[in-house]
């Protein structure tokens, strides 16, 4: 028996979907939620959450991420997205959704999608699969790039990292020297070594690389 939670701001749609789904012998609607607060309370009881995008993207994405993070056993099926909106679909998949049901979908297709996600299968059109694969490859390249940057930064001495941190803040050699209580000439030597180790040609490129490494670190926390 597949336990369904319907999450939609429109109470009428919730009632209609409930009536339709209750006709299926292998599906049980455990309830519906018209607010995100109610959705968070009821999500742990569901096998599949039918989550409508009627809220702002930010709010719906946040709820998607929360369910995916706190209820990993619960499948999320996004509803209410237009069929020809691959970027938005991809955004929800990255947030943790297991699949989506376009606005134009039939009842039969909805049921097929529910049963598919419950069986750990996602039904996507060919063009969407291609975009998902491309995105996965892009993320893999980004991870490899960030790891390479992290390895390079590990090769800096503690003092060089101090200097690079201040370079990233936009300080001049004079200001860095005053901040670290070292001579301007010493700062220049550190900057030269930093550029060589990072294999970049100027301070801006070094600062950009450092900020990318910091962003990757924050994402991992």
C-alpha atoms as a PDB file:
ATOM      1  CA  UNK A   1       0.000   0.000   0.000  1.00  0.00           C
ATOM      2  CA  UNK A   2       1.434   3.360  -1.081  1.00  0.00           C
ATOM      3  CA  UNK A   3       0.719   6.086   1.471  1.00  0.00           C
ATOM      4  CA  UNK A   4       0.204   9.472  -0.204  1.00  0.00           C
ATOM      5  CA  UNK A   5       0.349  12.993   1.219  1.00  0.00           C
ATOM      6  CA  UNK A   6      -1.055  15.714  -1.041  1.00  0.00           C
ATOM      7  CA  UNK A   7       0.505  19.152  -0.550  1.00  0.00           C
ATOM      8  CA  UNK A   8      -1.344  21.916  -2.376  1.00  0.00           C
ATOM      9  CA  UNK A   9      -2.536  25.380  -1.391  1.00  0.00           C
ATOM     10  CA  UNK A  10      -5.879  24.776  -3.117  1.00  0.00           C
ATOM     11  CA  UNK A  11      -8.179  22.775  -0.851  1.00  0.00           C
ATOM     12  CA  UNK A  12     -10.447  21.915  -3.805  1.00  0.00           C
ATOM     13  CA  UNK A  13      -7.577  20.312  -5.732  1.00  0.00           C
ATOM     14  CA  UNK A  14      -6.616  18.369  -2.620  1.00  0.00           C
ATOM     15  CA  UNK A  15     -10.166  17.033  -2.335  1.00  0.00           C
ATOM     16  CA  UNK A  16     -10.357  16.084  -6.021  1.00  0.00           C
ATOM     17  CA  UNK A  17      -6.989  14.310  -5.962  1.00  0.00           C
ATOM     18  CA  UNK A  18      -7.964  12.511  -2.774  1.00  0.00           C
ATOM     19  CA  UNK A  19     -11.177  11.230  -4.367  1.00  0.00           C
ATOM     20  CA  UNK A  20      -9.329  10.051  -7.488  1.00  0.00           C
ATOM     21  CA  UNK A  21      -6.496   8.321  -5.648  1.00  0.00           C
ATOM     22  CA  UNK A  22      -8.774   6.556  -3.176  1.00  0.00           C
ATOM     23  CA  UNK A  23     -10.203   4.555  -6.081  1.00  0.00           C
ATOM     24  CA  UNK A  24      -6.879   2.737  -6.425  1.00  0.00           C
ATOM     25  CA  UNK A  25      -6.552  -0.462  -4.349  1.00  0.00           C
ATOM     26  CA  UNK A  26      -2.793  -0.062  -3.828  1.00  0.00           C
ATOM     27  CA  UNK A  27      -2.926   3.604  -2.781  1.00  0.00           C
ATOM     28  CA  UNK A  28      -4.010   5.169   0.504  1.00  0.00           C
ATOM     29  CA  UNK A  29      -4.249   8.941   0.947  1.00  0.00           C
ATOM     30  CA  UNK A  30      -3.153   9.687   4.510  1.00  0.00           C
ATOM     31  CA  UNK A  31      -4.253  13.305   4.208  1.00  0.00           C
ATOM     32  CA  UNK A  32      -3.464  16.608   2.595  1.00  0.00           C
ATOM     33  CA  UNK A  33      -1.742  19.832   3.586  1.00  0.00           C
ATOM     34  CA  UNK A  34      -2.562  23.330   2.410  1.00  0.00           C
ATOM     35  CA  UNK A  35       0.259  24.928   4.409  1.00  0.00           C
ATOM     36  CA  UNK A  36       3.945  24.125   4.592  1.00  0.00           C
ATOM     37  CA  UNK A  37       3.737  23.781   8.363  1.00  0.00           C
ATOM     38  CA  UNK A  38       1.135  21.030   8.037  1.00  0.00           C
ATOM     39  CA  UNK A  39       3.178  19.406   5.275  1.00  0.00           C
ATOM     40  CA  UNK A  40       6.207  19.177   7.563  1.00  0.00           C
ATOM     41  CA  UNK A  41       4.112  17.531  10.284  1.00  0.00           C
ATOM     42  CA  UNK A  42       2.545  14.933   7.982  1.00  0.00           C
ATOM     43  CA  UNK A  43       5.454  14.154   5.636  1.00  0.00           C
ATOM     44  CA  UNK A  44       7.035  11.537   7.949  1.00  0.00           C
ATOM     45  CA  UNK A  45       3.899   9.375   7.594  1.00  0.00           C
ATOM     46  CA  UNK A  46       3.977   9.302   3.778  1.00  0.00           C
ATOM     47  CA  UNK A  47       5.652   7.068   1.225  1.00  0.00           C
ATOM     48  CA  UNK A  48       5.091   9.629  -1.538  1.00  0.00           C
ATOM     49  CA  UNK A  49       4.477  13.371  -1.208  1.00  0.00           C
ATOM     50  CA  UNK A  50       2.688  15.059  -4.108  1.00  0.00           C
ATOM     51  CA  UNK A  51       4.171  18.530  -3.717  1.00  0.00           C
ATOM     52  CA  UNK A  52       2.638  21.336  -5.757  1.00  0.00           C
ATOM     53  CA  UNK A  53       4.677  24.374  -6.803  1.00  0.00           C
ATOM     54  CA  UNK A  54       1.930  26.851  -5.952  1.00  0.00           C
ATOM     55  CA  UNK A  55       4.155  28.634  -3.446  1.00  0.00           C
ATOM     56  CA  UNK A  56       7.135  30.677  -4.559  1.00  0.00           C
ATOM     57  CA  UNK A  57      10.034  28.634  -5.928  1.00  0.00           C
ATOM     58  CA  UNK A  58      12.078  29.539  -2.871  1.00  0.00           C
ATOM     59  CA  UNK A  59       9.457  28.246  -0.431  1.00  0.00           C
ATOM     60  CA  UNK A  60       8.741  25.073  -2.389  1.00  0.00           C
ATOM     61  CA  UNK A  61      12.439  24.360  -2.866  1.00  0.00           C
ATOM     62  CA  UNK A  62      13.021  24.814   0.856  1.00  0.00           C
ATOM     63  CA  UNK A  63      10.238  22.343   1.657  1.00  0.00           C
ATOM     64  CA  UNK A  64      11.595  19.896  -0.937  1.00  0.00           C
ATOM     65  CA  UNK A  65      15.056  20.094   0.603  1.00  0.00           C
ATOM     66  CA  UNK A  66      13.653  19.690   4.119  1.00  0.00           C
ATOM     67  CA  UNK A  67      11.693  16.549   3.243  1.00  0.00           C
ATOM     68  CA  UNK A  68      14.617  15.063   1.305  1.00  0.00           C
ATOM     69  CA  UNK A  69      17.001  15.759   4.185  1.00  0.00           C
ATOM     70  CA  UNK A  70      14.850  14.762   7.164  1.00  0.00           C
ATOM     71  CA  UNK A  71      12.717  12.022   5.557  1.00  0.00           C
ATOM     72  CA  UNK A  72      15.041  10.247   3.105  1.00  0.00           C
ATOM     73  CA  UNK A  73      12.667   7.280   2.910  1.00  0.00           C
ATOM     74  CA  UNK A  74       9.881   9.529   1.568  1.00  0.00           C
ATOM     75  CA  UNK A  75       9.638  10.056  -2.192  1.00  0.00           C
ATOM     76  CA  UNK A  76       8.840  13.543  -3.514  1.00  0.00           C
ATOM     77  CA  UNK A  77       6.814  13.964  -6.687  1.00  0.00           C
ATOM     78  CA  UNK A  78       6.605  17.585  -7.840  1.00  0.00           C
ATOM     79  CA  UNK A  79       3.332  18.673  -9.442  1.00  0.00           C
ATOM     80  CA  UNK A  80       2.185  21.821 -11.192  1.00  0.00           C
ATOM     81  CA  UNK A  81       5.231  22.455 -13.395  1.00  0.00           C
ATOM     82  CA  UNK A  82       4.731  23.021 -17.106  1.00  0.00           C
ATOM     83  CA  UNK A  83       6.098  20.249 -19.314  1.00  0.00           C
ATOM     84  CA  UNK A  84       8.441  22.572 -21.193  1.00  0.00           C
ATOM     85  CA  UNK A  85      10.259  24.007 -18.164  1.00  0.00           C
ATOM     86  CA  UNK A  86      13.354  21.773 -17.930  1.00  0.00           C
ATOM     87  CA  UNK A  87      15.431  24.248 -15.938  1.00  0.00           C
ATOM     88  CA  UNK A  88      12.792  24.498 -13.224  1.00  0.00           C
ATOM     89  CA  UNK A  89      12.371  20.721 -13.155  1.00  0.00           C
ATOM     90  CA  UNK A  90      16.128  20.321 -12.831  1.00  0.00           C
ATOM     91  CA  UNK A  91      16.136  22.802  -9.952  1.00  0.00           C
ATOM     92  CA  UNK A  92      13.679  20.661  -7.978  1.00  0.00           C
ATOM     93  CA  UNK A  93      15.498  17.421  -8.799  1.00  0.00           C
ATOM     94  CA  UNK A  94      18.698  18.962  -7.440  1.00  0.00           C
ATOM     95  CA  UNK A  95      16.770  19.949  -4.291  1.00  0.00           C
ATOM     96  CA  UNK A  96      15.823  16.312  -3.711  1.00  0.00           C
ATOM     97  CA  UNK A  97      12.679  15.607  -5.747  1.00  0.00           C
ATOM     98  CA  UNK A  98      12.369  12.076  -7.135  1.00  0.00           C
ATOM     99  CA  UNK A  99      10.232  13.013 -10.117  1.00  0.00           C
ATOM    100  CA  UNK A 100       7.665  15.441 -11.466  1.00  0.00           C
ATOM    101  CA  UNK A 101       4.191  15.429 -12.949  1.00  0.00           C
ATOM    102  CA  UNK A 102       3.481  18.149 -15.562  1.00  0.00           C
ATOM    103  CA  UNK A 103       0.317  20.238 -15.413  1.00  0.00           C
ATOM    104  CA  UNK A 104      -0.867  18.564 -18.611  1.00  0.00           C
ATOM    105  CA  UNK A 105      -0.706  15.040 -17.160  1.00  0.00           C
ATOM    106  CA  UNK A 106      -3.618  12.587 -17.218  1.00  0.00           C
ATOM    107  CA  UNK A 107      -4.835  10.637 -14.196  1.00  0.00           C
ATOM    108  CA  UNK A 108      -3.307   7.481 -15.678  1.00  0.00           C
ATOM    109  CA  UNK A 109       0.066   9.200 -16.020  1.00  0.00           C
ATOM    110  CA  UNK A 110      -0.163  10.522 -12.466  1.00  0.00           C
ATOM    111  CA  UNK A 111      -0.775   7.014 -11.145  1.00  0.00           C
ATOM    112  CA  UNK A 112       2.072   5.648 -13.248  1.00  0.00           C
ATOM    113  CA  UNK A 113       4.433   8.268 -11.824  1.00  0.00           C
ATOM    114  CA  UNK A 114       3.365   7.580  -8.245  1.00  0.00           C
ATOM    115  CA  UNK A 115       4.003   3.863  -8.634  1.00  0.00           C
ATOM    116  CA  UNK A 116       7.287   4.524 -10.424  1.00  0.00           C
ATOM    117  CA  UNK A 117       8.801   6.748  -7.718  1.00  0.00           C
ATOM    118  CA  UNK A 118       7.642   4.335  -5.021  1.00  0.00           C
ATOM    119  CA  UNK A 119       9.608   1.656  -6.895  1.00  0.00           C
ATOM    120  CA  UNK A 120      12.634   3.995  -6.977  1.00  0.00           C
ATOM    121  CA  UNK A 121      12.146   4.716 -10.666  1.00  0.00           C
ATOM    122  CA  UNK A 122      11.765   8.204 -12.100  1.00  0.00           C
ATOM    123  CA  UNK A 123       9.878   8.804 -15.336  1.00  0.00           C
ATOM    124  CA  UNK A 124      11.463  11.597 -17.362  1.00  0.00           C
ATOM    125  CA  UNK A 125      11.106  12.454 -21.058  1.00  0.00           C
ATOM    126  CA  UNK A 126      14.257  11.911 -23.186  1.00  0.00           C
ATOM    127  CA  UNK A 127      15.084  15.626 -23.405  1.00  0.00           C
ATOM    128  CA  UNK A 128      14.931  15.898 -19.605  1.00  0.00           C
ATOM    129  CA  UNK A 129      17.167  12.861 -19.139  1.00  0.00           C
ATOM    130  CA  UNK A 130      19.750  14.459 -21.434  1.00  0.00           C
ATOM    131  CA  UNK A 131      19.714  17.649 -19.364  1.00  0.00           C
ATOM    132  CA  UNK A 132      20.006  15.694 -16.111  1.00  0.00           C
ATOM    133  CA  UNK A 133      23.006  13.763 -17.422  1.00  0.00           C
ATOM    134  CA  UNK A 134      24.635  16.990 -18.608  1.00  0.00           C
ATOM    135  CA  UNK A 135      24.054  18.564 -15.190  1.00  0.00           C
ATOM    136  CA  UNK A 136      25.510  15.544 -13.371  1.00  0.00           C
ATOM    137  CA  UNK A 137      28.601  15.739 -15.574  1.00  0.00           C
ATOM    138  CA  UNK A 138      28.860  19.478 -14.924  1.00  0.00           C
ATOM    139  CA  UNK A 139      28.673  18.953 -11.160  1.00  0.00           C
ATOM    140  CA  UNK A 140      31.289  16.203 -11.375  1.00  0.00           C
ATOM    141  CA  UNK A 141      33.625  18.561 -13.237  1.00  0.00           C
ATOM    142  CA  UNK A 142      32.998  21.271 -10.636  1.00  0.00           C
ATOM    143  CA  UNK A 143      33.818  18.877  -7.797  1.00  0.00           C
ATOM    144  CA  UNK A 144      37.027  17.804  -9.508  1.00  0.00           C
ATOM    145  CA  UNK A 145      37.971  21.434 -10.121  1.00  0.00           C
ATOM    146  CA  UNK A 146      37.273  22.391  -6.501  1.00  0.00           C
ATOM    147  CA  UNK A 147      39.308  19.454  -5.222  1.00  0.00           C
ATOM    148  CA  UNK A 148      42.206  20.512  -7.428  1.00  0.00           C
ATOM    149  CA  UNK A 149      41.997  24.069  -6.080  1.00  0.00           C
ATOM    150  CA  UNK A 150      41.855  22.774  -2.501  1.00  0.00           C
ATOM    151  CA  UNK A 151      44.979  20.673  -3.085  1.00  0.00           C
ATOM    152  CA  UNK A 152      46.850  23.685  -4.457  1.00  0.00           C
ATOM    153  CA  UNK A 153      45.815  25.857  -1.505  1.00  0.00           C
ATOM    154  CA  UNK A 154      47.053  23.206   0.908  1.00  0.00           C
ATOM    155  CA  UNK A 155      50.503  23.803  -0.572  1.00  0.00           C
ATOM    156  CA  UNK A 156      50.565  27.382   0.720  1.00  0.00           C
ATOM    157  CA  UNK A 157      52.359  28.194   3.946  1.00  0.00           C
ATOM    158  CA  UNK A 158      50.304  29.634   6.846  1.00  0.00           C
ATOM    159  CA  UNK A 159      51.780  33.094   6.162  1.00  0.00           C
ATOM    160  CA  UNK A 160      50.969  32.853   2.452  1.00  0.00           C
ATOM    161  CA  UNK A 161      47.402  31.939   3.325  1.00  0.00           C
ATOM    162  CA  UNK A 162      47.217  34.989   5.612  1.00  0.00           C
ATOM    163  CA  UNK A 163      48.433  37.182   2.767  1.00  0.00           C
ATOM    164  CA  UNK A 164      46.042  35.593   0.258  1.00  0.00           C
ATOM    165  CA  UNK A 165      43.140  36.114   2.642  1.00  0.00           C
ATOM    166  CA  UNK A 166      43.919  39.843   2.789  1.00  0.00           C
ATOM    167  CA  UNK A 167      44.493  40.016  -0.974  1.00  0.00           C
ATOM    168  CA  UNK A 168      40.994  38.572  -1.375  1.00  0.00           C
ATOM    169  CA  UNK A 169      39.690  41.336   0.898  1.00  0.00           C
ATOM    170  CA  UNK A 170      41.127  43.847  -1.587  1.00  0.00           C
ATOM    171  CA  UNK A 171      43.983  45.170   0.559  1.00  0.00           C
ATOM    172  CA  UNK A 172      47.086  46.644  -1.060  1.00  0.00           C
ATOM    173  CA  UNK A 173      50.609  45.417  -0.320  1.00  0.00           C
ATOM    174  CA  UNK A 174      51.090  48.399   1.989  1.00  0.00           C
ATOM    175  CA  UNK A 175      47.881  47.628   3.904  1.00  0.00           C
ATOM    176  CA  UNK A 176      48.730  43.926   4.130  1.00  0.00           C
ATOM    177  CA  UNK A 177      52.161  44.785   5.514  1.00  0.00           C
ATOM    178  CA  UNK A 178      50.645  47.013   8.177  1.00  0.00           C
ATOM    179  CA  UNK A 179      48.059  44.389   9.056  1.00  0.00           C
ATOM    180  CA  UNK A 180      50.590  41.569   9.406  1.00  0.00           C
ATOM    181  CA  UNK A 181      53.410  43.770  10.729  1.00  0.00           C
ATOM    182  CA  UNK A 182      55.803  42.851   7.915  1.00  0.00           C
ATOM    183  CA  UNK A 183      57.707  44.853   5.294  1.00  0.00           C
ATOM    184  CA  UNK A 184      56.100  45.683   1.951  1.00  0.00           C
ATOM    185  CA  UNK A 185      58.944  43.871   0.201  1.00  0.00           C
ATOM    186  CA  UNK A 186      58.135  40.731   2.178  1.00  0.00           C
ATOM    187  CA  UNK A 187      54.487  41.029   1.175  1.00  0.00           C
ATOM    188  CA  UNK A 188      55.512  41.275  -2.483  1.00  0.00           C
ATOM    189  CA  UNK A 189      57.611  38.132  -2.144  1.00  0.00           C
ATOM    190  CA  UNK A 190      54.679  36.270  -0.602  1.00  0.00           C
ATOM    191  CA  UNK A 191      52.328  37.451  -3.361  1.00  0.00           C
ATOM    192  CA  UNK A 192      54.817  36.366  -6.034  1.00  0.00           C
ATOM    193  CA  UNK A 193      55.072  32.882  -4.485  1.00  0.00           C
ATOM    194  CA  UNK A 194      51.288  32.640  -4.166  1.00  0.00           C
ATOM    195  CA  UNK A 195      50.763  33.486  -7.839  1.00  0.00           C
ATOM    196  CA  UNK A 196      53.378  30.922  -8.854  1.00  0.00           C
ATOM    197  CA  UNK A 197      51.928  28.160  -6.670  1.00  0.00           C
ATOM    198  CA  UNK A 198      48.376  28.835  -7.815  1.00  0.00           C
ATOM    199  CA  UNK A 199      49.533  29.107 -11.440  1.00  0.00           C
ATOM    200  CA  UNK A 200      47.721  32.407 -11.974  1.00  0.00           C
ATOM    201  CA  UNK A 201      48.938  35.684 -13.436  1.00  0.00           C
ATOM    202  CA  UNK A 202      47.483  38.316 -11.117  1.00  0.00           C
ATOM    203  CA  UNK A 203      45.977  39.025  -7.707  1.00  0.00           C
ATOM    204  CA  UNK A 204      42.392  39.013  -8.979  1.00  0.00           C
ATOM    205  CA  UNK A 205      42.734  35.467 -10.313  1.00  0.00           C
ATOM    206  CA  UNK A 206      44.289  34.335  -7.031  1.00  0.00           C
ATOM    207  CA  UNK A 207      41.453  35.940  -5.057  1.00  0.00           C
ATOM    208  CA  UNK A 208      38.832  34.315  -7.295  1.00  0.00           C
ATOM    209  CA  UNK A 209      40.409  30.880  -6.813  1.00  0.00           C
ATOM    210  CA  UNK A 210      40.523  31.394  -3.050  1.00  0.00           C
ATOM    211  CA  UNK A 211      36.864  32.439  -2.900  1.00  0.00           C
ATOM    212  CA  UNK A 212      35.822  29.401  -4.943  1.00  0.00           C
ATOM    213  CA  UNK A 213      37.652  27.158  -2.489  1.00  0.00           C
ATOM    214  CA  UNK A 214      35.944  28.887   0.450  1.00  0.00           C
ATOM    215  CA  UNK A 215      32.524  28.499  -1.191  1.00  0.00           C
ATOM    216  CA  UNK A 216      33.151  24.788  -1.716  1.00  0.00           C
ATOM    217  CA  UNK A 217      34.097  24.430   1.951  1.00  0.00           C
ATOM    218  CA  UNK A 218      30.876  26.137   3.070  1.00  0.00           C
ATOM    219  CA  UNK A 219      28.808  23.870   0.804  1.00  0.00           C
ATOM    220  CA  UNK A 220      30.359  20.807   2.447  1.00  0.00           C
ATOM    221  CA  UNK A 221      29.470  21.934   5.981  1.00  0.00           C
END
